[in-house]
Protein backbone atom coordinates (compact mmCIF):
# COMPACT_ATOMS: atom_id res chain seq x y z
CA MET A 1 42.76 115.88 -88.35
CA GLN A 2 41.73 118.37 -91.02
CA GLN A 3 38.63 120.42 -90.36
CA ALA A 4 36.13 121.62 -92.94
CA SER A 5 37.50 124.29 -95.24
CA THR A 6 36.49 127.87 -94.48
CA ALA A 7 37.24 129.18 -97.96
CA VAL A 8 33.52 129.54 -98.75
CA PRO A 9 31.25 131.67 -96.56
CA ALA A 10 29.03 129.67 -94.24
CA GLY A 11 25.50 130.26 -93.09
CA PRO A 12 22.02 130.36 -94.58
CA GLY A 13 22.49 133.41 -96.79
CA ALA A 14 22.78 133.01 -100.53
CA VAL A 15 26.39 133.71 -101.46
CA THR A 16 26.07 133.66 -105.25
CA THR A 17 23.10 134.33 -107.53
CA VAL A 18 23.10 133.64 -111.26
CA ARG A 19 20.49 133.61 -114.01
CA GLN A 20 19.67 130.97 -116.58
CA PRO A 21 16.85 131.03 -119.11
CA GLU A 22 13.69 131.14 -116.96
CA LEU A 23 15.63 130.35 -113.76
CA LEU A 24 17.22 132.22 -110.90
CA LEU A 25 19.84 130.14 -109.05
CA ALA A 26 21.34 130.87 -105.65
CA ASP A 27 24.14 129.05 -103.81
CA TYR A 28 23.89 128.25 -100.10
CA HIS A 29 26.49 126.83 -97.73
CA PHE A 30 25.74 125.32 -94.32
CA ASP A 31 28.07 124.04 -91.62
CA VAL A 32 26.66 120.98 -89.84
CA PRO A 33 28.08 118.47 -87.34
CA LEU A 34 29.83 115.45 -88.81
CA ASP A 35 28.25 113.47 -85.97
CA HIS A 36 24.87 114.84 -84.94
CA LYS A 37 25.26 113.05 -81.60
CA ALA A 38 28.26 115.32 -80.94
CA PRO A 39 27.03 118.73 -82.17
CA GLU A 40 29.97 120.54 -80.58
CA GLY A 41 32.47 118.42 -82.52
CA GLU A 42 33.80 118.61 -86.05
CA LEU A 43 31.78 120.40 -88.69
CA ILE A 44 31.45 119.61 -92.37
CA ARG A 45 30.20 121.94 -95.04
CA LEU A 46 27.11 121.29 -97.15
CA TYR A 47 26.10 122.90 -100.40
CA ALA A 48 22.60 123.47 -101.75
CA ARG A 49 21.27 125.33 -104.77
CA GLU A 50 17.99 127.25 -104.65
CA VAL A 51 16.05 127.35 -107.91
CA VAL A 52 13.15 129.73 -108.50
CA ALA A 53 11.25 130.87 -111.56
CA ALA A 54 12.86 133.99 -112.97
CA GLY A 55 9.54 135.58 -113.87
CA LYS A 56 8.46 136.07 -110.27
CA SER A 57 9.16 139.27 -108.34
CA ALA A 58 11.40 139.23 -105.28
CA ALA A 59 8.33 139.58 -103.04
CA GLU A 60 6.59 136.71 -104.80
CA ARG A 61 9.66 134.51 -104.46
CA GLU A 62 9.86 135.16 -100.75
CA ARG A 63 6.26 134.07 -100.28
CA LEU A 64 6.74 130.77 -102.06
CA PRO A 65 6.87 127.58 -99.95
CA TRP A 66 10.01 125.45 -100.13
CA LEU A 67 10.38 122.05 -101.78
CA LEU A 68 13.49 120.06 -100.89
CA TYR A 69 14.66 117.59 -103.54
CA LEU A 70 16.60 114.56 -102.31
CA GLN A 71 18.61 112.87 -105.05
CA GLY A 72 18.90 109.13 -105.58
CA GLY A 73 22.09 107.30 -104.74
CA PRO A 74 23.65 106.86 -102.29
CA GLY A 75 26.61 108.99 -103.19
CA CYS A 76 25.14 111.12 -105.99
CA GLY A 77 25.09 114.89 -106.04
CA ALA A 78 21.89 116.76 -106.80
CA ASP A 79 20.72 117.56 -110.31
CA ARG A 80 22.42 120.49 -112.05
CA PRO A 81 19.54 122.24 -113.85
CA VAL A 82 19.90 123.85 -117.24
CA GLY A 83 16.74 125.78 -117.94
CA ARG A 84 13.22 124.98 -116.87
CA SER A 85 12.20 121.44 -117.80
CA GLY A 86 10.91 118.11 -116.48
CA TRP A 87 9.69 117.75 -112.91
CA LEU A 88 11.46 120.98 -112.00
CA ASP A 89 9.25 122.90 -114.42
CA ARG A 90 6.16 121.72 -112.51
CA ALA A 91 7.71 122.35 -109.11
CA LEU A 92 8.60 125.94 -110.00
CA ASP A 93 4.95 126.75 -110.65
CA GLU A 94 4.47 127.02 -106.90
CA TYR A 95 7.72 126.33 -104.99
CA ARG A 96 11.19 127.53 -104.27
CA VAL A 97 13.20 124.38 -104.88
CA LEU A 98 16.29 123.45 -102.89
CA LEU A 99 18.63 120.94 -104.58
CA LEU A 100 20.82 119.53 -101.81
CA ASP A 101 24.15 117.85 -102.40
CA GLN A 102 23.90 115.26 -99.65
CA ARG A 103 26.94 115.00 -97.38
CA GLY A 104 29.94 113.56 -99.17
CA THR A 105 28.59 114.31 -102.66
CA GLY A 106 28.93 117.14 -105.15
CA ARG A 107 30.13 120.26 -103.34
CA SER A 108 29.15 119.02 -99.86
CA THR A 109 32.56 118.03 -98.46
CA PRO A 110 33.04 115.41 -101.20
CA ALA A 111 34.33 112.00 -100.09
CA ASN A 112 36.37 110.15 -102.69
CA ARG A 113 39.79 108.63 -103.36
CA GLN A 114 41.34 112.11 -103.49
CA THR A 115 39.84 113.58 -100.33
CA LEU A 116 39.42 110.64 -97.97
CA PRO A 117 43.19 110.22 -97.30
CA LEU A 118 42.96 113.58 -95.52
CA ARG A 119 41.04 111.71 -92.81
CA GLY A 120 43.89 109.30 -92.18
CA GLY A 121 44.11 105.58 -92.96
CA PRO A 122 41.34 103.15 -93.91
CA GLY A 123 40.15 102.79 -90.30
CA GLU A 124 39.66 106.53 -89.90
CA GLN A 125 38.04 106.75 -93.32
CA ALA A 126 35.54 103.98 -92.52
CA GLU A 127 34.68 105.58 -89.18
CA TYR A 128 34.14 108.92 -90.94
CA LEU A 129 31.88 107.39 -93.59
CA SER A 130 29.78 105.63 -90.95
CA HIS A 131 28.19 109.07 -90.43
CA PHE A 132 26.97 109.33 -94.04
CA ARG A 133 23.74 107.30 -93.98
CA ALA A 134 20.14 108.49 -94.27
CA ASP A 135 19.75 109.33 -90.57
CA ALA A 136 22.58 111.87 -90.75
CA ILE A 137 21.24 113.29 -94.01
CA VAL A 138 17.86 113.87 -92.36
CA ARG A 139 19.49 115.67 -89.43
CA ASP A 140 21.32 117.84 -91.96
CA CYS A 141 18.02 118.65 -93.65
CA GLU A 142 16.44 119.66 -90.38
CA LEU A 143 19.26 122.06 -89.54
CA ILE A 144 19.00 123.57 -93.01
CA ARG A 145 15.21 123.87 -92.78
CA ARG A 146 15.36 125.69 -89.47
CA ARG A 147 18.03 128.06 -90.74
CA LEU A 148 16.01 128.88 -93.85
CA MET A 149 12.45 128.72 -92.54
CA GLY A 150 12.39 128.65 -88.77
CA ASP A 151 9.57 126.42 -87.56
CA ARG A 152 7.71 126.21 -90.86
CA PRO A 153 7.65 122.75 -92.52
CA TRP A 154 8.55 122.07 -96.13
CA THR A 155 7.65 119.57 -98.83
CA VAL A 156 10.19 116.86 -99.64
CA LEU A 157 10.48 115.08 -102.99
CA GLY A 158 12.63 111.96 -102.76
CA GLN A 159 13.85 110.05 -105.80
CA SER A 160 15.04 106.45 -105.17
CA PHE A 161 17.55 106.63 -102.28
CA GLY A 162 16.25 110.16 -101.71
CA GLY A 163 12.88 108.53 -101.00
CA PHE A 164 14.55 106.20 -98.49
CA CYS A 165 15.86 109.34 -96.77
CA ALA A 166 12.38 110.86 -96.84
CA VAL A 167 10.94 107.80 -95.05
CA THR A 168 13.70 108.16 -92.46
CA TYR A 169 12.62 111.81 -92.21
CA LEU A 170 9.04 110.71 -91.52
CA SER A 171 10.38 108.40 -88.84
CA HIS A 172 12.60 110.86 -86.99
CA ALA A 173 11.44 114.43 -87.71
CA PRO A 174 7.91 114.51 -89.16
CA GLU A 175 7.34 117.93 -87.60
CA GLY A 176 9.56 119.36 -90.35
CA LEU A 177 7.39 118.00 -93.17
CA ASP A 178 4.37 119.56 -94.84
CA ALA A 179 4.13 116.71 -97.38
CA VAL A 180 6.32 113.91 -98.74
CA LEU A 181 6.44 112.82 -102.38
CA LEU A 182 8.24 109.58 -103.24
CA ALA A 183 9.35 108.45 -106.69
CA GLY A 184 10.61 104.87 -106.75
CA GLY A 185 11.74 105.43 -103.19
CA LEU A 186 9.83 103.23 -100.76
CA PRO A 187 12.38 101.10 -98.88
CA ALA A 188 11.85 97.82 -97.09
CA ILE A 189 11.23 98.85 -93.47
CA ASP A 190 10.16 95.56 -91.91
CA PRO A 191 12.95 94.57 -89.49
CA GLY A 192 12.78 91.05 -90.91
CA THR A 193 13.57 92.27 -94.43
CA ASP A 194 17.33 92.57 -94.18
CA VAL A 195 19.96 93.20 -96.84
CA HIS A 196 19.94 89.52 -97.80
CA ALA A 197 16.20 89.59 -98.45
CA VAL A 198 16.69 92.70 -100.58
CA TYR A 199 19.11 90.89 -102.88
CA ARG A 200 17.13 87.65 -102.99
CA THR A 201 14.41 89.65 -104.69
CA ALA A 202 16.89 91.62 -106.84
CA TYR A 203 18.44 88.76 -108.83
CA PRO A 204 15.12 87.47 -110.24
CA ARG A 205 14.31 91.04 -111.36
CA MET A 206 17.69 91.29 -113.06
CA GLU A 207 16.98 88.04 -114.87
CA ARG A 208 13.57 89.25 -116.06
CA LYS A 209 14.99 92.55 -117.29
CA THR A 210 17.82 90.80 -119.15
CA LEU A 211 15.54 88.32 -120.90
CA ALA A 212 13.11 91.12 -121.82
CA HIS A 213 16.01 93.00 -123.40
CA TYR A 214 17.08 89.97 -125.43
CA ALA A 215 13.47 89.50 -126.56
CA ARG A 216 13.51 93.08 -127.84
CA TYR A 217 16.99 92.80 -129.38
CA PRO A 218 17.64 89.07 -130.04
CA ARG A 219 21.08 89.58 -131.59
CA ASP A 220 22.30 91.18 -128.37
CA ALA A 221 22.33 87.75 -126.71
CA ASP A 222 24.92 86.67 -129.28
CA ALA A 223 26.83 89.93 -128.84
CA VAL A 224 27.13 89.45 -125.08
CA ARG A 225 28.22 85.81 -125.47
CA ALA A 226 30.90 86.97 -127.92
CA LEU A 227 32.11 89.54 -125.39
CA VAL A 228 32.27 86.91 -122.64
CA ARG A 229 34.34 84.61 -124.86
CA HIS A 230 36.63 87.49 -125.80
CA LEU A 231 37.19 88.60 -122.20
CA ALA A 232 37.98 85.03 -121.16
CA ASP A 233 41.00 85.15 -123.49
CA HIS A 234 42.00 88.82 -123.55
CA GLY A 235 42.69 91.40 -120.90
CA GLU A 236 40.84 94.60 -121.71
CA VAL A 237 41.21 97.91 -119.90
CA LEU A 238 38.65 100.69 -120.25
CA THR A 239 39.57 104.30 -120.87
CA ASP A 240 39.38 105.16 -117.16
CA GLY A 241 41.75 102.36 -116.14
CA THR A 242 39.03 99.91 -115.10
CA ARG A 243 39.73 96.28 -116.01
CA LEU A 244 36.78 94.87 -117.93
CA THR A 245 36.26 91.38 -116.56
CA VAL A 246 33.25 89.19 -117.30
CA PRO A 247 31.48 90.10 -114.01
CA ALA A 248 32.15 93.78 -114.75
CA LEU A 249 30.68 93.36 -118.22
CA GLN A 250 27.56 91.83 -116.71
CA GLN A 251 27.04 95.01 -114.71
CA LEU A 252 25.98 96.77 -117.89
CA GLY A 253 22.56 95.48 -116.85
CA PHE A 254 22.49 98.60 -114.66
CA LEU A 255 21.20 100.37 -117.78
CA LEU A 256 18.04 98.25 -117.86
CA GLY A 257 16.49 100.11 -114.94
CA THR A 258 15.73 103.24 -116.96
CA GLY A 259 13.15 103.91 -119.64
CA ASP A 260 15.67 104.22 -122.47
CA GLY A 261 18.27 101.89 -120.97
CA SER A 262 17.52 98.86 -123.13
CA HIS A 263 17.98 100.92 -126.28
CA ARG A 264 21.20 102.47 -124.97
CA LEU A 265 22.54 99.02 -124.14
CA HIS A 266 21.72 97.80 -127.65
CA TYR A 267 23.56 100.66 -129.32
CA LEU A 268 26.52 100.11 -127.02
CA LEU A 269 26.74 96.40 -127.87
CA GLU A 270 26.45 96.81 -131.62
CA ASP A 271 29.74 98.74 -131.73
CA ALA A 272 31.70 96.45 -129.40
CA PHE A 273 34.39 95.12 -131.76
CA VAL A 274 36.71 96.45 -134.42
CA PRO A 275 39.24 94.51 -136.56
CA THR A 276 42.89 95.14 -135.68
CA ALA A 277 46.29 93.74 -136.64
CA ASP A 278 45.98 91.50 -133.58
CA GLY A 279 42.51 90.32 -134.44
CA PRO A 280 39.14 91.61 -133.18
CA ARG A 281 39.47 93.88 -130.13
CA LEU A 282 37.09 96.09 -128.23
CA SER A 283 36.52 99.37 -130.02
CA ASP A 284 37.65 102.58 -128.38
CA ALA A 285 34.06 103.81 -128.58
CA PHE A 286 32.82 100.75 -126.67
CA ARG A 287 35.59 101.08 -124.10
CA GLU A 288 34.85 104.75 -123.52
CA GLN A 289 31.07 104.34 -123.31
CA THR A 290 31.35 101.27 -121.07
CA ALA A 291 33.69 103.16 -118.78
CA ALA A 292 31.07 105.92 -118.48
CA VAL A 293 28.42 103.38 -117.43
CA LEU A 294 30.55 101.42 -114.97
CA SER A 295 32.75 104.15 -113.50
CA ARG A 296 32.40 105.11 -109.85
CA ALA A 297 34.92 107.96 -110.05
CA ALA A 298 32.20 110.55 -109.46
CA THR A 299 30.12 108.36 -107.10
CA PRO A 300 32.43 106.15 -105.00
CA LEU A 301 30.08 106.33 -102.01
CA TYR A 302 27.56 104.34 -104.02
CA SER A 303 29.87 101.34 -103.88
CA LEU A 304 30.93 101.90 -100.27
CA LEU A 305 27.54 102.72 -98.75
CA LEU A 306 24.91 100.96 -100.89
CA GLU A 307 24.71 97.86 -98.70
CA PRO A 308 24.85 99.82 -95.40
CA THR A 309 21.78 101.63 -96.74
CA TYR A 310 19.87 98.40 -95.98
CA ALA A 311 21.59 97.64 -92.65
CA GLN A 312 19.38 98.06 -89.60
CA ASP A 313 19.85 95.05 -87.36
CA GLY A 314 23.37 95.68 -86.11
CA ARG A 315 24.90 92.95 -88.27
CA ALA A 316 27.62 93.42 -90.89
CA THR A 317 26.45 93.52 -94.49
CA ASP A 318 29.54 91.48 -95.46
CA TRP A 319 29.10 91.81 -99.24
CA ALA A 320 25.57 90.43 -99.15
CA ALA A 321 24.95 90.77 -102.90
CA GLU A 322 28.04 88.69 -103.68
CA ARG A 323 27.06 85.94 -101.24
CA ILE A 324 23.42 85.87 -102.39
CA ARG A 325 24.52 85.64 -106.02
CA ALA A 326 25.79 82.12 -105.29
CA GLU A 327 22.15 81.13 -104.78
CA PHE A 328 21.42 82.02 -108.42
CA PRO A 329 23.72 79.86 -110.59
CA ALA A 330 22.00 81.04 -113.77
CA PHE A 331 24.18 84.16 -113.51
CA ASP A 332 27.33 82.12 -114.18
CA ALA A 333 28.34 83.66 -117.51
CA GLY A 334 30.93 81.03 -118.40
CA LYS A 335 28.45 78.22 -118.00
CA ALA A 336 25.83 80.15 -119.94
CA VAL A 337 28.21 80.49 -122.89
CA ALA A 338 29.24 76.83 -122.71
CA GLU A 339 25.58 75.80 -122.76
CA ASP A 340 24.62 78.41 -125.41
CA ARG A 341 22.22 80.12 -123.00
CA PRO A 342 21.66 83.86 -122.64
CA VAL A 343 24.21 85.55 -120.38
CA LEU A 344 22.29 87.23 -117.56
CA LEU A 345 23.23 90.78 -116.66
CA THR A 346 23.36 92.35 -113.21
CA GLY A 347 23.16 95.93 -112.04
CA GLU A 348 22.03 97.29 -108.68
CA THR A 349 24.70 95.38 -106.75
CA VAL A 350 28.21 95.94 -105.43
CA HIS A 351 30.86 93.24 -105.11
CA PRO A 352 34.29 92.91 -103.51
CA TRP A 353 35.97 92.23 -106.86
CA MET A 354 35.06 95.78 -107.90
CA LEU A 355 37.71 97.05 -105.47
CA ASP A 356 40.32 95.54 -107.78
CA THR A 357 38.80 96.08 -111.21
CA HIS A 358 37.46 99.64 -110.82
CA ALA A 359 40.24 102.22 -110.98
CA ALA A 360 38.49 104.79 -108.75
CA LEU A 361 37.80 102.22 -106.03
CA ARG A 362 41.24 100.61 -105.74
CA PRO A 363 42.62 103.26 -103.34
CA LEU A 364 39.52 102.77 -101.15
CA ALA A 365 39.60 98.97 -101.08
CA ARG A 366 40.53 98.53 -97.42
CA THR A 367 38.05 101.23 -96.37
CA ALA A 368 35.28 99.41 -98.25
CA GLU A 369 36.22 96.11 -96.61
CA LEU A 370 36.04 97.69 -93.16
CA LEU A 371 32.60 99.15 -93.90
CA ALA A 372 31.37 95.76 -95.15
CA ALA A 373 32.59 94.16 -91.91
CA ARG A 374 31.22 96.91 -89.67
CA THR A 375 28.61 95.96 -87.07
CA GLY A 376 26.36 98.12 -84.96
CA TRP A 377 24.40 99.82 -87.73
CA GLY A 378 21.31 101.26 -86.08
CA PRO A 379 17.71 101.36 -87.33
CA LEU A 380 16.80 103.96 -89.93
CA TYR A 381 13.02 103.64 -89.68
CA ASP A 382 10.56 103.80 -86.79
CA THR A 383 7.74 101.49 -87.83
CA GLU A 384 5.54 102.43 -84.87
CA ARG A 385 5.82 106.12 -85.64
CA LEU A 386 5.18 105.51 -89.32
CA ALA A 387 2.03 103.58 -88.39
CA ARG A 388 0.81 106.76 -86.64
CA ASN A 389 1.89 109.10 -89.46
CA THR A 390 -0.11 112.31 -90.00
CA VAL A 391 1.97 113.83 -92.81
CA PRO A 392 0.43 113.61 -96.31
CA VAL A 393 2.52 111.15 -98.33
CA ALA A 394 2.17 110.13 -101.98
CA ALA A 395 4.33 107.58 -103.77
CA VAL A 396 4.71 106.39 -107.34
CA ILE A 397 5.70 102.71 -107.41
CA TYR A 398 7.02 101.27 -110.64
CA HIS A 399 5.51 97.90 -111.44
CA ASP A 400 8.75 95.99 -112.02
CA ASP A 401 11.40 98.42 -110.79
CA LEU A 402 14.90 97.00 -111.31
CA TYR A 403 16.39 98.92 -108.41
CA VAL A 404 13.67 98.90 -105.72
CA ASP A 405 11.55 95.81 -105.14
CA THR A 406 7.87 96.45 -105.87
CA GLY A 407 6.69 93.95 -103.25
CA HIS A 408 8.76 95.58 -100.53
CA SER A 409 7.52 99.01 -101.61
CA LEU A 410 3.88 97.97 -101.43
CA ALA A 411 4.40 96.44 -97.97
CA THR A 412 5.95 99.70 -96.79
CA ALA A 413 3.11 101.70 -98.33
CA ARG A 414 0.67 99.69 -96.24
CA ALA A 415 2.75 100.30 -93.12
CA ILE A 416 2.79 104.12 -93.41
CA ARG A 417 -0.51 105.54 -92.27
CA GLY A 418 -2.32 107.58 -94.91
CA LEU A 419 0.19 106.98 -97.70
CA ARG A 420 -1.40 107.10 -101.14
CA THR A 421 0.09 105.10 -104.00
CA TRP A 422 0.17 105.23 -107.76
CA VAL A 423 1.40 101.90 -109.17
CA THR A 424 2.32 102.09 -112.84
CA ASP A 425 4.13 100.13 -115.55
CA GLU A 426 4.34 103.20 -117.78
CA PHE A 427 7.76 104.14 -116.41
CA GLU A 428 10.94 102.52 -115.20
CA HIS A 429 12.91 103.73 -112.19
CA ASP A 430 13.59 107.13 -113.79
CA GLY A 431 9.92 108.04 -114.10
CA ILE A 432 10.28 111.34 -112.25
CA ARG A 433 12.66 112.46 -115.01
CA ALA A 434 11.15 110.64 -117.99
CA GLY A 435 7.62 111.69 -117.06
CA GLY A 436 8.46 115.33 -116.60
CA ARG A 437 5.69 117.53 -115.24
CA ARG A 438 3.11 114.75 -115.33
CA VAL A 439 4.59 112.53 -112.61
CA LEU A 440 5.19 115.31 -110.11
CA ASP A 441 1.78 116.83 -110.82
CA ARG A 442 0.06 113.54 -110.05
CA LEU A 443 2.05 113.08 -106.84
CA LEU A 444 1.08 116.55 -105.69
CA ARG A 445 -2.59 115.88 -106.43
CA LEU A 446 -2.45 112.57 -104.58
CA ALA A 447 -0.89 114.18 -101.53
CA ARG A 448 -3.41 117.02 -101.54
CA ASP A 449 -6.39 114.76 -102.12
CA GLY A 450 -5.21 112.70 -99.18
CA ARG A 451 -4.50 115.63 -96.87
CA GLY A 452 -6.35 114.84 -93.72
CA CYS A 453 -6.60 111.13 -94.54
CA ALA A 454 -3.41 110.43 -92.63
CA GLY A 455 -4.91 111.98 -89.58
CA ARG A 456 -8.12 109.99 -89.60
CA GLY A 457 -8.59 106.85 -87.59
């Protein structure tokens, strides 16, 4: 079995430092156990980028506290900053920021169709990926923190899935946390709220978001029906090799979870067709842009590990979103077209048919099936410990978040002692980016205003 590459120096020291306008960036590499229950076993290599304000002296930088940013996902590498902007601009006023590529993403021993065959066959690949959930990510963070800071705690900012990881952090290693800031990242932690409950709340949200989009852009309902009729009669392949089927088309609803997503979807749909010698066909521009939205080439772990993110009761997830979809017949696109109804779009779901249609997932099909059938997933959250929490926690909850159920988030907020919330309909799921300095600044003020509240009876 191949071990982690040793081509890049390991350890907590910065191995490369570069400058950007207003930023100083440093690369770090850390070797951590693949399985934290077997610390003497195989190691994998993680990558993180430190970002500090360039205007500060070396002594000032060393005195700054650390803020760890945990990216959404699962399966997405950390942000790649270009200059000082957005939430990062506010963070750099007072922190050294660490942007971690979570295990399997970015430069942290990436796991994809090209690298996973090095592990062996699908069985070995699935076993390997079983170590890539939030609990392992938190253990990685703790090793990194101790190597960088010793016993001092740090602040964690978690976006979406990164917030799920931060709640796992509160459950398993709160001693490492000075404060936790959550942006659209409060997971369902009640043991009775399983993956099926997650998706039973997701489909009604997808319906609301779709109908709101058609209310904003009424002609788009006709455009989507035309696309469904076209795909029923014509095979279309996107520029990345993905076959565009009707269910794949419906996944363009993924765009509706961001602040500008409805507008982006509209502009995509208005350029869908061009006349050809063989009649109307999908335009190259539409095919290329749709491929960019639907592709999982850069983030295959999203499709393989999204449902295990919600698994805590030992049972297999078994393609829960696909099975729950059968409870919502309004999402049948063919029937919607036949009855001249709006075609409902989907989004924050993965389905077994994607293993055939999506070019980047085809080589990983059997691995994905084994993960979907896997049992024995352990709990990610300790509800009793969270009920005794003493770490300052602040969370922004988006009023009708497409990706994370607002009701589940509010229930979790009540279950974490001392957590302070900001519920808003001003932003969609990408509020931490769309809101720039303002969102992070408010989260920091909430956490500081509540410091000590978590410790009171």
